Amino acid sequence: MNQMQKYKTWAGAVVLVCLLLVQTSLVAAQEITGQWEITMERDGRTSYATLTISKNADGTLAGKWGTSELSNVKFQDEKLTFVRTIRFGDQEFTMNYSGTLKDGKLTGLLSSDRGEYAANGVRLKPMPPAVGVWDLAYKIGDRDVTARLTVSQRPDGALDAKWTSQMGESVISNVKLQDGKLTFDRAAKFNDREFTMTFTGIAQGDKLTGVSKNEQLEVPVTGQRFGAALIGQWEWTSTSERGTRTGMLTIRSDLSGRFQVRDVEVPVKDLKLEGNQVTFAIEMNMGDRTSTRNFKGTLDGNALKGQMTSEGSTFEATGKKLAAGAASPGAGTWEMTSESSQGQTRTSTLKIKDDMTATYTSRDTETPVTDLKVEGDQISFKITRTFNDQQVTMEFKGKVDGTTLKGEFVSARGNRPVTGKKIE
């Protein structure tokens, strides 16, 4: 091998190493970017926080702990580090985080000159659209029937359901969610007669449409999400003789909630919505003791007004509902462009709503999106369409970069590159 060939071989190896390093860096950022639910254990008490990691235009990382900015965010060799600054009035102190990402979980410690404690995280995933409480309406013969369906999700991701109507409570089994369709078996009793029905439905936003049927009967069912006006994020303000304090109230689709104070979240307990009246309780850790605060107020559009009561004192508290979807770069309407095998340019529309439901419209046909996932700047979903009486499932995988979405559809027919432009 002459000198020139040796040089070319060496140069090629250097280029290959550089490409591998760049690719490794990109993969690393993609692994850590997104939202994480952090669980902290301290003095026998459990609290939570939302950690958000994003990537800057220059490839460096940025982060937020709740609503506060983090500094010195770094991720290398599966290790995440950052600095969290906490402010109390005119005072502030810093905490250093060091954690390891393994098998999709963060294991780490928050430390300061006051000590250290465990702060572990799992990736925060949106709840399936079907999870929540639904007010159902349907007809049995000439009789109008109403019912309430509650769909909940277990820690392992499996679903449970409960169906209650004027005829009593049904026994629900085999609850499944696949390709966007909610299915389950319902055993019910009417007078002395027992019967079994199979339910199939699709939840889109705050509406549920489906069919309950058996061999003798087929009943269309419509549902409206209970508590839809309360679900979302609320900017919280409370005023007492100690001054004005701000926080964040988050109500999820299953009507569970978190209350954030000083970037630490505590569970909302005993949440009730009766008409436009809202009540709930939270437990705040005050040094070595726990203080319970009870809220009672009125829901009026995007405003929640009432009073907090704590240990004999009462103070004003208000919530302002925030526009949803700000945390998701994919939310909005996308004009999707692709090229057919015949060289023709085709356009379609992808609509991703704030509640993480979506539709895909092509050739005036709207198709529900299933298995939607938004992790950092990565988006994936599936659609099932019918071509010549055959159903074809296509999976999209892409990346958001500002107002551009680039990716490809993958199906049994092959891969098709797609480019999206955000129009709303």
Protein backbone atom coordinates (compact mmCIF):
# COMPACT_ATOMS: atom_id res chain seq x y z
CA MET A 1 0.00 0.00 0.00
CA ASN A 2 1.56 3.36 -1.08
CA GLN A 3 1.54 6.59 0.96
CA MET A 4 -1.49 8.04 -0.83
CA GLN A 5 -3.59 4.90 -0.24
CA LYS A 6 -2.61 4.92 3.44
CA TYR A 7 -3.66 8.56 3.72
CA LYS A 8 -7.04 7.87 2.07
CA THR A 9 -7.62 4.92 4.38
CA TRP A 10 -6.73 7.02 7.44
CA ALA A 11 -8.91 9.94 6.28
CA GLY A 12 -11.83 7.61 5.63
CA ALA A 13 -11.52 6.15 9.11
CA VAL A 14 -11.47 9.63 10.67
CA VAL A 15 -14.61 10.65 8.77
CA LEU A 16 -16.35 7.42 9.83
CA VAL A 17 -15.46 7.99 13.50
CA CYS A 18 -16.73 11.59 13.31
CA LEU A 19 -20.00 10.45 11.76
CA LEU A 20 -20.43 7.82 14.45
CA LEU A 21 -19.77 10.40 17.18
CA VAL A 22 -22.34 12.79 15.69
CA GLN A 23 -24.88 10.00 15.35
CA THR A 24 -24.24 8.88 18.94
CA SER A 25 -24.72 12.46 20.15
CA LEU A 26 -28.04 12.77 18.31
CA VAL A 27 -29.28 9.44 19.64
CA ALA A 28 -28.31 10.47 23.16
CA ALA A 29 -30.27 13.72 22.92
CA GLN A 30 -33.27 11.89 21.56
CA GLU A 31 -33.15 9.41 24.42
CA ILE A 32 -33.27 12.05 27.15
CA THR A 33 -35.42 14.76 25.55
CA GLY A 34 -39.07 14.91 26.53
CA GLN A 35 -40.99 15.04 29.79
CA TRP A 36 -40.20 12.92 32.84
CA GLU A 37 -42.20 12.37 36.01
CA ILE A 38 -39.77 12.63 38.90
CA THR A 39 -40.61 10.93 42.20
CA MET A 40 -38.74 12.12 45.29
CA GLU A 41 -38.49 10.37 48.64
CA ARG A 42 -37.46 12.52 51.60
CA ASP A 43 -38.02 12.00 55.32
CA GLY A 44 -40.56 9.27 54.57
CA ARG A 45 -42.63 11.58 52.34
CA THR A 46 -43.24 11.35 48.61
CA SER A 47 -43.46 14.32 46.27
CA TYR A 48 -43.33 14.75 42.50
CA ALA A 49 -42.05 17.09 39.82
CA THR A 50 -42.18 17.35 36.03
CA LEU A 51 -38.77 17.44 34.38
CA THR A 52 -38.67 18.68 30.78
CA ILE A 53 -35.52 18.24 28.67
CA SER A 54 -35.30 19.87 25.24
CA LYS A 55 -32.60 20.38 22.63
CA ASN A 56 -31.39 23.82 21.55
CA ALA A 57 -30.71 24.72 17.93
CA ASP A 58 -26.95 24.28 18.50
CA GLY A 59 -27.43 20.76 19.87
CA THR A 60 -26.97 21.62 23.54
CA LEU A 61 -29.64 20.72 26.07
CA ALA A 62 -32.01 22.89 28.08
CA GLY A 63 -34.33 21.91 30.89
CA LYS A 64 -37.15 22.90 33.19
CA TRP A 65 -38.06 21.65 36.65
CA GLY A 66 -41.75 22.37 36.80
CA THR A 67 -41.88 25.91 35.45
CA SER A 68 -38.34 26.94 36.50
CA GLU A 69 -35.36 26.92 34.15
CA LEU A 70 -32.43 24.60 34.85
CA SER A 71 -28.78 25.37 34.13
CA ASN A 72 -25.76 23.31 33.01
CA VAL A 73 -27.95 20.54 31.56
CA LYS A 74 -25.70 17.78 30.21
CA PHE A 75 -26.22 14.20 29.08
CA GLN A 76 -23.24 12.01 28.31
CA ASP A 77 -22.57 8.29 28.59
CA GLU A 78 -26.15 7.76 29.85
CA LYS A 79 -25.58 10.23 32.72
CA LEU A 80 -27.79 13.30 33.16
CA THR A 81 -26.62 16.26 35.25
CA PHE A 82 -28.05 19.73 35.84
CA VAL A 83 -28.29 22.50 38.41
CA ARG A 84 -31.60 23.52 39.97
CA THR A 85 -31.89 26.95 41.63
CA ILE A 86 -34.57 27.42 44.30
CA ARG A 87 -35.66 30.85 45.44
CA PHE A 88 -37.52 31.84 48.63
CA GLY A 89 -38.16 35.56 48.62
CA ASP A 90 -34.71 37.19 48.59
CA GLN A 91 -32.93 33.93 49.34
CA GLU A 92 -31.80 31.23 46.95
CA PHE A 93 -29.84 28.01 47.01
CA THR A 94 -28.83 25.46 44.40
CA MET A 95 -29.25 21.72 44.10
CA ASN A 96 -27.22 19.45 41.85
CA TYR A 97 -28.81 16.51 40.09
CA SER A 98 -26.91 13.46 38.91
CA GLY A 99 -28.77 10.53 37.40
CA THR A 100 -28.33 7.54 35.12
CA LEU A 101 -30.64 6.59 32.28
CA LYS A 102 -31.06 2.83 31.93
CA ASP A 103 -33.89 0.80 30.39
CA GLY A 104 -35.98 3.95 29.99
CA LYS A 105 -35.73 4.96 33.67
CA LEU A 106 -33.81 7.72 35.44
CA THR A 107 -32.17 6.86 38.74
CA GLY A 108 -30.52 9.73 40.53
CA LEU A 109 -29.95 12.03 43.49
CA LEU A 110 -30.61 15.69 44.24
CA SER A 111 -27.91 17.08 46.54
CA SER A 112 -27.04 20.35 48.24
CA ASP A 113 -25.23 21.47 51.38
CA ARG A 114 -28.42 20.47 53.24
CA GLY A 115 -28.09 16.82 52.25
CA GLU A 116 -29.27 14.59 49.43
CA TYR A 117 -32.27 12.45 48.54
CA ALA A 118 -33.47 10.13 45.80
CA ALA A 119 -35.09 11.63 42.69
CA ASN A 120 -36.02 8.97 40.16
CA GLY A 121 -37.94 9.41 36.92
CA VAL A 122 -39.98 7.64 34.28
CA ARG A 123 -40.96 9.11 30.92
CA LEU A 124 -44.27 10.97 31.15
CA LYS A 125 -46.73 9.50 28.66
CA PRO A 126 -50.10 10.97 27.67
CA MET A 127 -53.12 9.05 28.90
CA PRO A 128 -55.00 7.04 26.27
CA PRO A 129 -57.91 9.10 24.85
CA ALA A 130 -60.45 6.61 26.22
CA VAL A 131 -59.35 7.06 29.84
CA GLY A 132 -61.78 9.22 31.81
CA VAL A 133 -65.40 9.48 32.90
CA TRP A 134 -68.07 9.40 30.20
CA ASP A 135 -71.77 10.28 30.33
CA LEU A 136 -73.45 7.86 27.92
CA ALA A 137 -76.78 8.03 26.13
CA TYR A 138 -78.52 5.28 24.14
CA LYS A 139 -81.94 3.76 23.44
CA ILE A 140 -83.37 0.38 24.37
CA GLY A 141 -86.45 0.15 22.20
CA ASP A 142 -88.36 3.40 22.81
CA ARG A 143 -86.71 3.96 26.15
CA ASP A 144 -83.95 6.57 26.58
CA VAL A 145 -81.19 5.29 28.84
CA THR A 146 -78.28 7.16 30.41
CA ALA A 147 -75.21 5.61 31.96
CA ARG A 148 -71.79 6.55 33.27
CA LEU A 149 -68.70 4.77 32.00
CA THR A 150 -65.42 5.17 33.89
CA VAL A 151 -62.26 3.98 32.16
CA SER A 152 -59.09 3.92 34.28
CA GLN A 153 -55.50 2.90 33.66
CA ARG A 154 -53.44 0.73 35.98
CA PRO A 155 -49.75 1.43 36.69
CA ASP A 156 -48.82 -1.38 34.27
CA GLY A 157 -50.79 0.30 31.45
CA ALA A 158 -53.74 -2.12 31.43
CA LEU A 159 -57.26 -0.68 31.50
CA ASP A 160 -60.24 -1.20 33.79
CA ALA A 161 -63.81 0.01 33.30
CA LYS A 162 -67.00 0.53 35.28
CA TRP A 163 -70.51 0.95 33.77
CA THR A 164 -73.43 2.20 35.88
CA SER A 165 -76.96 3.02 34.67
CA GLN A 166 -80.56 3.16 35.94
CA MET A 167 -80.54 -0.62 35.65
CA GLY A 168 -77.65 -0.91 38.09
CA GLU A 169 -73.96 -1.64 37.73
CA SER A 170 -72.71 -3.94 34.99
CA VAL A 171 -69.81 -6.37 35.29
CA ILE A 172 -67.07 -5.31 32.86
CA SER A 173 -64.32 -7.62 31.61
CA ASN A 174 -61.73 -7.95 28.81
CA VAL A 175 -61.08 -4.20 28.56
CA LYS A 176 -58.72 -3.52 25.66
CA LEU A 177 -57.51 -0.56 23.61
CA GLN A 178 -56.06 -1.47 20.24
CA ASP A 179 -55.64 0.66 17.12
CA GLY A 180 -57.62 3.40 18.82
CA LYS A 181 -60.64 1.19 19.53
CA LEU A 182 -61.93 0.60 23.05
CA THR A 183 -63.54 -2.81 23.52
CA PHE A 184 -64.93 -4.71 26.49
CA ASP A 185 -67.59 -7.25 27.51
CA ARG A 186 -70.50 -6.11 29.69
CA ALA A 187 -72.68 -8.45 31.74
CA ALA A 188 -75.87 -6.76 32.98
CA LYS A 189 -79.17 -7.64 34.63
CA PHE A 190 -82.59 -6.16 33.86
CA ASN A 191 -85.43 -7.33 36.11
CA ASP A 192 -84.91 -11.12 36.19
CA ARG A 193 -83.14 -11.24 32.86
CA GLU A 194 -79.37 -11.44 32.46
CA PHE A 195 -77.62 -10.55 29.22
CA THR A 196 -74.11 -9.98 27.85
CA MET A 197 -73.12 -7.22 25.42
CA THR A 198 -69.88 -6.40 23.64
CA PHE A 199 -68.92 -2.74 23.38
CA THR A 200 -66.70 -1.22 20.66
CA GLY A 201 -66.03 2.51 20.53
CA ILE A 202 -63.60 5.28 19.63
CA ALA A 203 -62.80 8.30 21.81
CA GLN A 204 -61.90 11.52 20.05
CA GLY A 205 -61.41 14.56 22.24
CA ASP A 206 -64.40 14.89 24.54
CA LYS A 207 -66.67 12.56 22.54
CA LEU A 208 -67.06 8.79 22.58
CA THR A 209 -68.99 6.95 19.85
CA GLY A 210 -69.58 3.23 19.79
CA VAL A 211 -71.90 0.26 19.56
CA SER A 212 -73.06 -2.15 22.24
CA LYS A 213 -74.34 -5.42 20.77
CA ASN A 214 -75.00 -9.12 21.08
CA GLU A 215 -76.67 -11.67 18.80
CA GLN A 216 -80.14 -10.18 19.29
CA LEU A 217 -79.43 -6.46 19.67
CA GLU A 218 -77.25 -3.66 18.33
CA VAL A 219 -77.39 -0.35 20.18
CA PRO A 220 -75.55 2.84 19.09
CA VAL A 221 -74.01 4.64 22.07
CA THR A 222 -72.76 8.23 22.33
CA GLY A 223 -70.75 9.66 25.19
CA GLN A 224 -69.62 13.05 26.45
CA ARG A 225 -66.56 13.42 28.67
CA PHE A 226 -67.54 14.37 32.23
CA GLY A 227 -65.49 17.21 33.69
CA ALA A 228 -64.06 18.33 30.34
CA ALA A 229 -64.10 22.00 31.38
CA LEU A 230 -62.00 21.20 34.47
CA ILE A 231 -59.38 19.05 32.73
CA GLY A 232 -56.14 20.86 31.91
CA GLN A 233 -53.60 23.17 33.52
CA TRP A 234 -54.55 26.06 35.79
CA GLU A 235 -52.33 28.96 36.78
CA TRP A 236 -53.01 29.25 40.50
CA THR A 237 -52.94 32.36 42.70
CA SER A 238 -53.68 32.49 46.42
CA THR A 239 -53.78 35.59 48.61
CA SER A 240 -53.43 35.69 52.40
CA GLU A 241 -51.97 37.95 55.06
CA ARG A 242 -48.57 36.48 54.14
CA GLY A 243 -48.87 37.84 50.62
CA THR A 244 -49.60 36.41 47.17
CA ARG A 245 -48.35 33.02 46.08
CA THR A 246 -48.54 31.33 42.69
CA GLY A 247 -48.59 27.70 41.62
CA MET A 248 -50.02 25.30 39.08
CA LEU A 249 -53.01 22.95 39.25
CA THR A 250 -53.12 20.10 36.73
CA ILE A 251 -56.26 17.98 36.27
CA ARG A 252 -55.90 14.89 34.11
CA SER A 253 -58.51 13.17 31.97
CA ASP A 254 -59.18 10.56 34.68
CA LEU A 255 -59.91 13.47 37.08
CA SER A 256 -56.79 12.82 39.11
CA GLY A 257 -54.64 15.86 39.74
CA ARG A 258 -51.40 17.42 40.90
CA PHE A 259 -50.86 20.74 42.66
CA GLN A 260 -47.50 22.42 42.12
CA VAL A 261 -45.97 24.78 44.67
CA ARG A 262 -42.34 25.94 44.36
CA ASP A 263 -41.87 23.43 41.50
CA VAL A 264 -42.79 20.44 43.67
CA GLU A 265 -46.07 18.64 42.96
CA VAL A 266 -48.36 16.93 45.46
CA PRO A 267 -51.39 14.76 44.60
CA VAL A 268 -54.84 16.32 44.60
CA LYS A 269 -57.16 14.35 46.88
CA ASP A 270 -60.96 13.95 47.06
CA LEU A 271 -61.59 15.92 43.84
CA LYS A 272 -65.33 16.40 43.27
CA LEU A 273 -67.26 18.24 40.57
CA GLU A 274 -70.99 18.77 41.17
CA GLY A 275 -72.53 21.10 38.64
CA ASN A 276 -70.08 24.00 38.62
CA GLN A 277 -68.91 23.46 42.20
CA VAL A 278 -65.38 22.12 42.68
CA THR A 279 -63.80 20.79 45.86
CA PHE A 280 -60.46 19.11 46.55
CA ALA A 281 -57.76 18.78 49.19
CA ILE A 282 -53.96 18.86 49.16
CA GLU A 283 -51.39 17.99 51.80
CA MET A 284 -48.39 20.32 52.12
CA ASN A 285 -45.20 19.39 53.96
CA MET A 286 -44.20 22.17 56.35
CA GLY A 287 -40.88 21.08 57.83
CA ASP A 288 -41.63 18.27 60.26
CA ARG A 289 -45.41 18.56 59.96
CA THR A 290 -48.08 18.14 57.31
CA SER A 291 -50.72 20.78 56.63
CA THR A 292 -54.00 19.96 54.84
CA ARG A 293 -55.58 22.61 52.64
CA ASN A 294 -59.17 22.31 51.40
CA PHE A 295 -60.43 24.18 48.35
CA LYS A 296 -64.06 24.99 47.58
CA GLY A 297 -64.93 27.10 44.57
CA THR A 298 -66.92 27.73 41.41
CA LEU A 299 -65.97 26.80 37.84
CA ASP A 300 -66.90 29.55 35.37
CA GLY A 301 -65.46 28.98 31.90
CA ASN A 302 -61.68 29.41 32.10
CA ALA A 303 -61.85 30.73 35.67
CA LEU A 304 -61.91 28.85 38.96
CA LYS A 305 -62.65 31.03 41.99
CA GLY A 306 -63.00 30.07 45.62
CA GLN A 307 -61.33 29.79 48.98
CA MET A 308 -58.64 27.66 50.58
CA THR A 309 -59.05 26.66 54.20
CA SER A 310 -56.07 25.57 56.29
CA GLU A 311 -55.85 25.10 60.07
CA GLY A 312 -58.58 27.59 60.83
CA SER A 313 -57.48 30.25 58.35
CA THR A 314 -59.26 31.01 55.07
CA PHE A 315 -57.81 32.84 52.07
CA GLU A 316 -58.84 33.63 48.50
CA ALA A 317 -57.69 31.33 45.69
CA THR A 318 -58.20 31.62 41.93
CA GLY A 319 -57.25 29.55 38.91
CA LYS A 320 -56.84 30.67 35.30
CA LYS A 321 -56.96 27.93 32.70
CA LEU A 322 -53.97 27.87 30.38
CA ALA A 323 -54.06 27.07 26.69
CA ALA A 324 -53.36 23.36 26.31
CA GLY A 325 -50.71 21.75 24.20
CA ALA A 326 -47.85 24.19 24.80
CA ALA A 327 -45.63 21.35 26.01
CA SER A 328 -46.13 19.34 22.83
CA PRO A 329 -44.25 20.54 19.72
CA GLY A 330 -46.51 18.39 17.56
CA ALA A 331 -49.83 19.96 18.53
CA GLY A 332 -51.45 21.85 15.65
CA THR A 333 -52.44 21.37 12.01
CA TRP A 334 -49.86 20.08 9.54
CA GLU A 335 -50.04 20.11 5.74
CA MET A 336 -48.34 16.87 4.73
CA THR A 337 -46.74 16.45 1.30
CA SER A 338 -45.53 13.22 -0.29
CA GLU A 339 -44.78 11.86 -3.73
CA SER A 340 -46.55 8.81 -5.18
CA SER A 341 -44.79 6.00 -7.03
CA GLN A 342 -46.00 7.64 -10.27
CA GLY A 343 -44.22 10.87 -9.36
CA GLN A 344 -47.40 12.76 -8.41
CA THR A 345 -47.37 15.16 -5.45
CA ARG A 346 -50.04 14.42 -2.86
CA THR A 347 -51.14 16.56 0.06
CA SER A 348 -52.97 15.56 3.22
CA THR A 349 -53.73 17.08 6.60
CA LEU A 350 -52.62 15.91 10.04
CA LYS A 351 -54.39 17.49 13.02
CA ILE A 352 -52.91 16.85 16.47
CA LYS A 353 -55.12 18.25 19.23
CA ASP A 354 -54.08 19.54 22.62
CA ASP A 355 -55.46 16.42 24.32
CA MET A 356 -53.14 14.22 22.19
CA THR A 357 -55.86 12.88 19.90
CA ALA A 358 -55.39 13.28 16.17
CA THR A 359 -56.91 12.75 12.71
CA TYR A 360 -55.37 12.28 9.27
CA THR A 361 -57.29 13.50 6.23
CA SER A 362 -56.43 12.48 2.66
CA ARG A 363 -58.64 12.67 -0.42
CA ASP A 364 -61.49 14.04 1.71
CA THR A 365 -61.40 10.96 3.94
CA GLU A 366 -60.73 11.55 7.65
CA THR A 367 -59.06 8.70 9.53
CA PRO A 368 -58.52 8.51 13.31
CA VAL A 369 -54.87 8.40 14.35
CA THR A 370 -53.89 5.64 16.78
CA ASP A 371 -50.84 4.95 18.98
CA LEU A 372 -49.83 8.63 18.89
CA LYS A 373 -46.56 9.24 20.74
CA VAL A 374 -44.70 12.52 21.16
CA GLU A 375 -41.35 12.16 22.90
CA GLY A 376 -39.25 15.30 22.71
CA ASP A 377 -39.07 16.20 19.03
CA GLN A 378 -39.96 12.66 17.88
CA ILE A 379 -43.49 11.84 16.69
CA SER A 380 -44.96 8.49 15.72
CA PHE A 381 -48.49 7.25 15.03
CA LYS A 382 -50.51 4.74 13.01
CA ILE A 383 -53.43 5.02 10.62
CA THR A 384 -55.50 2.23 9.12
CA ARG A 385 -57.06 2.87 5.70
CA THR A 386 -59.05 0.80 3.24
CA PHE A 387 -57.77 0.23 -0.32
CA ASN A 388 -59.78 -2.01 -2.65
CA ASP A 389 -61.70 -3.55 0.27
CA GLN A 390 -58.45 -4.31 2.09
CA GLN A 391 -57.33 -2.61 5.30
CA VAL A 392 -53.76 -1.36 5.30
CA THR A 393 -52.04 -0.08 8.45
CA MET A 394 -49.33 2.53 7.98
CA GLU A 395 -46.95 3.74 10.68
CA PHE A 396 -45.45 7.21 10.61
CA LYS A 397 -42.18 8.12 12.30
CA GLY A 398 -40.83 11.63 12.12
CA LYS A 399 -39.12 14.58 13.76
CA VAL A 400 -40.36 18.10 14.49
CA ASP A 401 -38.03 20.99 13.76
CA GLY A 402 -39.89 24.24 14.48
CA THR A 403 -42.69 24.43 11.90
CA THR A 404 -41.38 21.49 9.84
CA LEU A 405 -42.17 17.81 10.31
CA LYS A 406 -40.09 15.28 8.37
CA GLY A 407 -40.49 11.52 8.38
CA GLU A 408 -41.88 8.56 6.50
CA PHE A 409 -44.83 6.20 6.38
CA VAL A 410 -43.95 2.52 6.68
CA SER A 411 -46.34 -0.21 5.52
CA ALA A 412 -46.38 -3.57 3.77
CA ARG A 413 -46.30 -1.59 0.52
CA GLY A 414 -42.96 -0.01 1.40
CA ASN A 415 -41.67 3.27 2.79
CA ARG A 416 -42.90 6.72 1.68
CA PRO A 417 -41.09 9.93 2.74
CA VAL A 418 -43.40 12.72 3.97
CA THR A 419 -42.76 16.38 4.77
CA GLY A 420 -45.13 18.44 6.91
CA LYS A 421 -45.56 22.21 7.22
CA LYS A 422 -47.35 23.64 10.24
CA ILE A 423 -50.25 25.82 9.07
CA GLU A 424 -52.09 26.37 12.38
